[in-house]
N, C-alpha and C. Protein backbone atom coordinates (compact mmCIF):
# COMPACT_ATOMS: atom_id res chain seq x y z
N MET A 1 0.38 2.90 29.47
CA MET A 1 -0.57 3.93 29.14
C MET A 1 0.15 5.26 28.89
N ILE A 2 1.25 5.46 29.57
CA ILE A 2 2.02 6.69 29.39
C ILE A 2 2.54 6.77 27.95
N ALA A 3 2.93 5.64 27.39
CA ALA A 3 3.45 5.63 26.03
C ALA A 3 2.37 6.04 25.02
N VAL A 4 1.16 5.58 25.23
CA VAL A 4 0.06 5.93 24.32
C VAL A 4 -0.25 7.42 24.43
N VAL A 5 -0.27 7.95 25.65
CA VAL A 5 -0.49 9.38 25.85
C VAL A 5 0.62 10.18 25.16
N GLY A 6 1.86 9.72 25.31
CA GLY A 6 2.99 10.37 24.65
C GLY A 6 2.85 10.34 23.14
N LEU A 7 2.37 9.22 22.61
CA LEU A 7 2.16 9.11 21.17
C LEU A 7 1.10 10.10 20.69
N VAL A 8 0.01 10.19 21.42
CA VAL A 8 -1.05 11.13 21.05
C VAL A 8 -0.53 12.56 21.10
N ILE A 9 0.19 12.90 22.16
CA ILE A 9 0.76 14.25 22.28
C ILE A 9 1.71 14.53 21.12
N GLY A 10 2.53 13.55 20.77
CA GLY A 10 3.45 13.71 19.64
C GLY A 10 2.74 13.93 18.33
N VAL A 11 1.64 13.22 18.10
CA VAL A 11 0.87 13.40 16.87
C VAL A 11 0.26 14.79 16.83
N VAL A 12 -0.30 15.23 17.96
CA VAL A 12 -0.90 16.58 18.00
C VAL A 12 0.15 17.65 17.75
N ILE A 13 1.30 17.53 18.39
CA ILE A 13 2.38 18.50 18.17
C ILE A 13 2.82 18.49 16.71
N GLY A 14 2.91 17.29 16.12
CA GLY A 14 3.29 17.20 14.71
C GLY A 14 2.28 17.86 13.79
N LEU A 15 0.99 17.69 14.11
CA LEU A 15 -0.04 18.33 13.29
C LEU A 15 -0.01 19.85 13.42
N ILE A 16 0.30 20.33 14.61
CA ILE A 16 0.35 21.78 14.82
C ILE A 16 1.58 22.40 14.18
N LEU A 17 2.75 21.82 14.43
CA LEU A 17 4.01 22.38 13.93
C LEU A 17 4.29 22.07 12.47
N GLN A 18 3.73 20.98 11.95
CA GLN A 18 3.93 20.53 10.57
C GLN A 18 5.40 20.54 10.16
N PRO A 19 6.21 19.70 10.82
CA PRO A 19 7.64 19.68 10.46
C PRO A 19 7.83 19.10 9.06
N SER A 20 8.90 19.51 8.41
CA SER A 20 9.21 18.97 7.09
C SER A 20 10.21 17.82 7.24
N VAL A 21 10.04 16.84 6.40
CA VAL A 21 10.93 15.67 6.41
C VAL A 21 11.95 15.85 5.30
N PRO A 22 13.24 15.68 5.61
CA PRO A 22 14.26 15.80 4.56
C PRO A 22 13.99 14.81 3.42
N VAL A 23 14.31 15.23 2.22
CA VAL A 23 14.05 14.42 1.02
C VAL A 23 14.68 13.04 1.12
N GLU A 24 15.86 12.95 1.74
CA GLU A 24 16.56 11.67 1.85
C GLU A 24 15.80 10.66 2.72
N LEU A 25 15.02 11.17 3.66
CA LEU A 25 14.31 10.29 4.60
C LEU A 25 12.87 10.01 4.19
N GLN A 26 12.36 10.69 3.18
CA GLN A 26 10.96 10.54 2.80
C GLN A 26 10.57 9.12 2.40
N PRO A 27 11.41 8.34 1.73
CA PRO A 27 10.99 6.97 1.40
C PRO A 27 10.80 6.08 2.64
N TYR A 28 11.43 6.43 3.73
CA TYR A 28 11.39 5.59 4.93
C TYR A 28 10.23 5.94 5.86
N LEU A 29 9.67 7.12 5.71
CA LEU A 29 8.63 7.57 6.62
C LEU A 29 7.36 6.72 6.57
N PRO A 30 6.80 6.40 5.40
CA PRO A 30 5.60 5.57 5.40
C PRO A 30 5.82 4.20 6.02
N ILE A 31 6.97 3.62 5.78
CA ILE A 31 7.28 2.31 6.34
C ILE A 31 7.42 2.41 7.85
N ALA A 32 8.05 3.47 8.33
CA ALA A 32 8.19 3.67 9.77
C ALA A 32 6.83 3.85 10.43
N VAL A 33 5.92 4.54 9.77
CA VAL A 33 4.58 4.74 10.33
C VAL A 33 3.84 3.41 10.40
N VAL A 34 3.92 2.61 9.36
CA VAL A 34 3.25 1.30 9.37
C VAL A 34 3.85 0.41 10.46
N ALA A 35 5.16 0.44 10.62
CA ALA A 35 5.81 -0.35 11.67
C ALA A 35 5.38 0.12 13.06
N ALA A 36 5.26 1.43 13.23
CA ALA A 36 4.81 1.98 14.51
C ALA A 36 3.36 1.58 14.78
N LEU A 37 2.51 1.61 13.76
CA LEU A 37 1.12 1.19 13.93
C LEU A 37 1.03 -0.29 14.31
N ASP A 38 1.91 -1.09 13.74
CA ASP A 38 1.95 -2.51 14.11
C ASP A 38 2.25 -2.67 15.59
N ALA A 39 3.23 -1.95 16.09
CA ALA A 39 3.57 -2.03 17.52
C ALA A 39 2.42 -1.51 18.38
N LEU A 40 1.75 -0.45 17.93
CA LEU A 40 0.65 0.13 18.69
C LEU A 40 -0.53 -0.83 18.77
N PHE A 41 -0.90 -1.45 17.64
CA PHE A 41 -2.00 -2.41 17.67
C PHE A 41 -1.64 -3.64 18.51
N GLY A 42 -0.38 -4.05 18.45
CA GLY A 42 0.06 -5.15 19.31
C GLY A 42 -0.04 -4.80 20.78
N ALA A 43 0.26 -3.55 21.11
CA ALA A 43 0.17 -3.11 22.50
C ALA A 43 -1.28 -3.07 22.98
N VAL A 44 -2.17 -2.60 22.13
CA VAL A 44 -3.59 -2.59 22.50
C VAL A 44 -4.10 -4.01 22.72
N ARG A 45 -3.70 -4.91 21.83
CA ARG A 45 -4.10 -6.32 21.98
C ARG A 45 -3.56 -6.90 23.29
N ALA A 46 -2.29 -6.64 23.57
CA ALA A 46 -1.69 -7.15 24.81
C ALA A 46 -2.38 -6.55 26.02
N ARG A 47 -2.76 -5.30 25.94
CA ARG A 47 -3.45 -4.65 27.07
C ARG A 47 -4.80 -5.30 27.32
N LEU A 48 -5.52 -5.59 26.25
CA LEU A 48 -6.83 -6.24 26.41
C LEU A 48 -6.70 -7.66 26.94
N GLU A 49 -5.60 -8.32 26.59
CA GLU A 49 -5.35 -9.68 27.08
C GLU A 49 -4.65 -9.67 28.43
N GLN A 50 -4.42 -8.48 28.97
CA GLN A 50 -3.81 -8.27 30.28
C GLN A 50 -2.40 -8.88 30.39
N VAL A 51 -1.66 -8.78 29.30
CA VAL A 51 -0.27 -9.22 29.29
C VAL A 51 0.66 -8.10 28.81
N PHE A 52 0.17 -6.86 28.86
CA PHE A 52 0.94 -5.72 28.38
C PHE A 52 2.15 -5.49 29.25
N ASP A 53 3.29 -5.27 28.62
CA ASP A 53 4.53 -4.94 29.31
C ASP A 53 5.13 -3.73 28.60
N GLU A 54 5.35 -2.67 29.35
CA GLU A 54 5.85 -1.43 28.76
C GLU A 54 7.20 -1.61 28.08
N ARG A 55 8.06 -2.40 28.69
CA ARG A 55 9.39 -2.62 28.12
C ARG A 55 9.28 -3.33 26.77
N VAL A 56 8.39 -4.30 26.69
CA VAL A 56 8.18 -5.01 25.43
C VAL A 56 7.62 -4.05 24.38
N PHE A 57 6.69 -3.18 24.79
CA PHE A 57 6.11 -2.23 23.84
C PHE A 57 7.17 -1.28 23.29
N VAL A 58 7.97 -0.71 24.16
CA VAL A 58 8.98 0.26 23.72
C VAL A 58 10.01 -0.40 22.82
N THR A 59 10.49 -1.57 23.21
CA THR A 59 11.48 -2.24 22.36
C THR A 59 10.86 -2.70 21.05
N SER A 60 9.64 -3.18 21.08
CA SER A 60 8.95 -3.59 19.86
C SER A 60 8.77 -2.39 18.93
N PHE A 61 8.35 -1.27 19.50
CA PHE A 61 8.14 -0.06 18.72
C PHE A 61 9.45 0.36 18.04
N LEU A 62 10.51 0.47 18.82
CA LEU A 62 11.80 0.93 18.26
C LEU A 62 12.36 -0.06 17.24
N PHE A 63 12.36 -1.35 17.59
CA PHE A 63 12.95 -2.33 16.69
C PHE A 63 12.12 -2.50 15.42
N ASN A 64 10.78 -2.45 15.51
CA ASN A 64 9.96 -2.53 14.31
C ASN A 64 10.29 -1.40 13.35
N VAL A 65 10.37 -0.20 13.87
CA VAL A 65 10.66 0.95 13.03
C VAL A 65 12.06 0.85 12.43
N LEU A 66 13.05 0.51 13.26
CA LEU A 66 14.43 0.43 12.77
C LEU A 66 14.61 -0.68 11.75
N ILE A 67 14.05 -1.84 12.01
CA ILE A 67 14.21 -2.97 11.08
C ILE A 67 13.48 -2.68 9.77
N ALA A 68 12.28 -2.13 9.85
CA ALA A 68 11.55 -1.81 8.62
C ALA A 68 12.31 -0.77 7.80
N ALA A 69 12.82 0.27 8.45
CA ALA A 69 13.60 1.28 7.73
C ALA A 69 14.87 0.68 7.15
N PHE A 70 15.52 -0.20 7.89
CA PHE A 70 16.73 -0.85 7.39
C PHE A 70 16.43 -1.71 6.16
N LEU A 71 15.31 -2.43 6.19
CA LEU A 71 14.96 -3.26 5.03
C LEU A 71 14.70 -2.40 3.79
N VAL A 72 14.05 -1.27 3.97
CA VAL A 72 13.81 -0.37 2.84
C VAL A 72 15.14 0.20 2.35
N PHE A 73 16.02 0.59 3.27
CA PHE A 73 17.35 1.08 2.89
C PHE A 73 18.12 0.01 2.12
N LEU A 74 18.08 -1.22 2.62
CA LEU A 74 18.78 -2.32 1.96
C LEU A 74 18.21 -2.55 0.57
N GLY A 75 16.88 -2.49 0.46
CA GLY A 75 16.25 -2.64 -0.85
C GLY A 75 16.68 -1.54 -1.81
N ASP A 76 16.79 -0.32 -1.31
CA ASP A 76 17.26 0.78 -2.15
C ASP A 76 18.69 0.54 -2.62
N GLN A 77 19.52 0.05 -1.73
CA GLN A 77 20.92 -0.20 -2.10
C GLN A 77 21.04 -1.33 -3.12
N LEU A 78 20.13 -2.31 -3.05
CA LEU A 78 20.16 -3.43 -3.98
C LEU A 78 19.41 -3.15 -5.27
N GLY A 79 18.71 -2.02 -5.32
CA GLY A 79 17.95 -1.67 -6.52
C GLY A 79 16.56 -2.27 -6.57
N VAL A 80 16.09 -2.80 -5.46
CA VAL A 80 14.75 -3.39 -5.39
C VAL A 80 13.94 -2.73 -4.27
N GLY A 81 14.13 -1.42 -4.12
CA GLY A 81 13.52 -0.70 -3.01
C GLY A 81 12.01 -0.80 -2.97
N SER A 82 11.36 -0.65 -4.12
CA SER A 82 9.89 -0.66 -4.11
C SER A 82 9.35 -2.05 -3.80
N GLN A 83 10.01 -3.09 -4.30
CA GLN A 83 9.55 -4.45 -4.03
C GLN A 83 9.72 -4.80 -2.55
N LEU A 84 10.85 -4.42 -1.98
CA LEU A 84 11.08 -4.72 -0.57
C LEU A 84 10.18 -3.87 0.32
N SER A 85 9.91 -2.64 -0.08
CA SER A 85 8.97 -1.80 0.67
C SER A 85 7.59 -2.43 0.66
N THR A 86 7.17 -2.93 -0.50
CA THR A 86 5.87 -3.59 -0.60
C THR A 86 5.82 -4.82 0.29
N ALA A 87 6.89 -5.59 0.31
CA ALA A 87 6.93 -6.78 1.15
C ALA A 87 6.80 -6.41 2.63
N VAL A 88 7.50 -5.37 3.05
CA VAL A 88 7.43 -4.93 4.45
C VAL A 88 6.02 -4.48 4.80
N VAL A 89 5.39 -3.71 3.91
CA VAL A 89 4.03 -3.22 4.16
C VAL A 89 3.05 -4.39 4.22
N VAL A 90 3.21 -5.38 3.35
CA VAL A 90 2.32 -6.54 3.36
C VAL A 90 2.45 -7.31 4.67
N VAL A 91 3.66 -7.59 5.09
CA VAL A 91 3.87 -8.34 6.33
C VAL A 91 3.33 -7.58 7.53
N LEU A 92 3.67 -6.31 7.63
CA LEU A 92 3.18 -5.52 8.76
C LEU A 92 1.68 -5.31 8.68
N GLY A 93 1.15 -5.18 7.46
CA GLY A 93 -0.30 -5.05 7.29
C GLY A 93 -1.04 -6.29 7.77
N ILE A 94 -0.49 -7.46 7.47
CA ILE A 94 -1.10 -8.70 7.94
C ILE A 94 -1.10 -8.73 9.46
N ARG A 95 -0.01 -8.32 10.07
CA ARG A 95 0.06 -8.30 11.54
C ARG A 95 -0.92 -7.30 12.13
N ILE A 96 -1.05 -6.13 11.49
CA ILE A 96 -1.99 -5.12 11.98
C ILE A 96 -3.41 -5.65 11.92
N PHE A 97 -3.81 -6.24 10.78
CA PHE A 97 -5.16 -6.76 10.66
C PHE A 97 -5.40 -7.95 11.60
N SER A 98 -4.39 -8.75 11.83
CA SER A 98 -4.53 -9.85 12.79
C SER A 98 -4.76 -9.32 14.19
N ASN A 99 -3.99 -8.31 14.58
CA ASN A 99 -4.19 -7.70 15.90
C ASN A 99 -5.54 -7.00 15.98
N ALA A 100 -5.95 -6.34 14.90
CA ALA A 100 -7.26 -5.67 14.89
C ALA A 100 -8.38 -6.69 15.04
N ALA A 101 -8.26 -7.82 14.38
CA ALA A 101 -9.28 -8.87 14.51
C ALA A 101 -9.32 -9.41 15.94
N SER A 102 -8.17 -9.58 16.54
CA SER A 102 -8.12 -10.04 17.92
C SER A 102 -8.74 -9.02 18.87
N ILE A 103 -8.47 -7.75 18.62
CA ILE A 103 -9.06 -6.68 19.44
C ILE A 103 -10.58 -6.68 19.28
N ARG A 104 -11.04 -6.81 18.04
CA ARG A 104 -12.48 -6.86 17.79
C ARG A 104 -13.13 -8.04 18.49
N ARG A 105 -12.52 -9.21 18.40
CA ARG A 105 -13.06 -10.40 19.10
C ARG A 105 -13.10 -10.19 20.59
N HIS A 106 -12.10 -9.55 21.12
CA HIS A 106 -12.05 -9.33 22.57
C HIS A 106 -13.11 -8.32 23.01
N ILE A 107 -13.29 -7.26 22.25
CA ILE A 107 -14.25 -6.21 22.63
C ILE A 107 -15.69 -6.69 22.44
N PHE A 108 -15.97 -7.30 21.28
CA PHE A 108 -17.35 -7.67 20.96
C PHE A 108 -17.67 -9.12 21.30
N LYS A 109 -16.68 -9.86 21.80
CA LYS A 109 -16.87 -11.28 22.15
C LYS A 109 -17.41 -12.08 20.97
N ALA A 110 -16.96 -11.71 19.78
CA ALA A 110 -17.42 -12.42 18.58
C ALA A 110 -16.27 -12.68 17.65
C-alpha cells in the first residue's frame, strides 16, 4: 500500500512541478508509462486475490519499465522503433485489460 501512496504522491508532484523530459528520452516515456500501468494493475489484482507481495510489485514495476524501454531502444537502433513500440504497447495493453477484467470480476462477482 505504501508503494501506491508513493505513486499517487509522485503523480501529484509531477502535475504541480511539470518537469520537462529531455528530447532524447521522449520516445521512451509513453512505453514506460504503459509498463508502469501494467505493473500497477497487476498489483491491484494480486491485492484483491490476497497474494500481493511488495517485493514482487517493486521488481515487476522496475523490470517492466526497463525491459519495455530497452525494447524501444533496440527497435530504434535496428530502424524498426515504431513497430517494436507498437508491439510492446499491444502486449502490455493485453495484460492491462486482462488484469482489469480480473479486477472487475472480483469486485462485481461477475
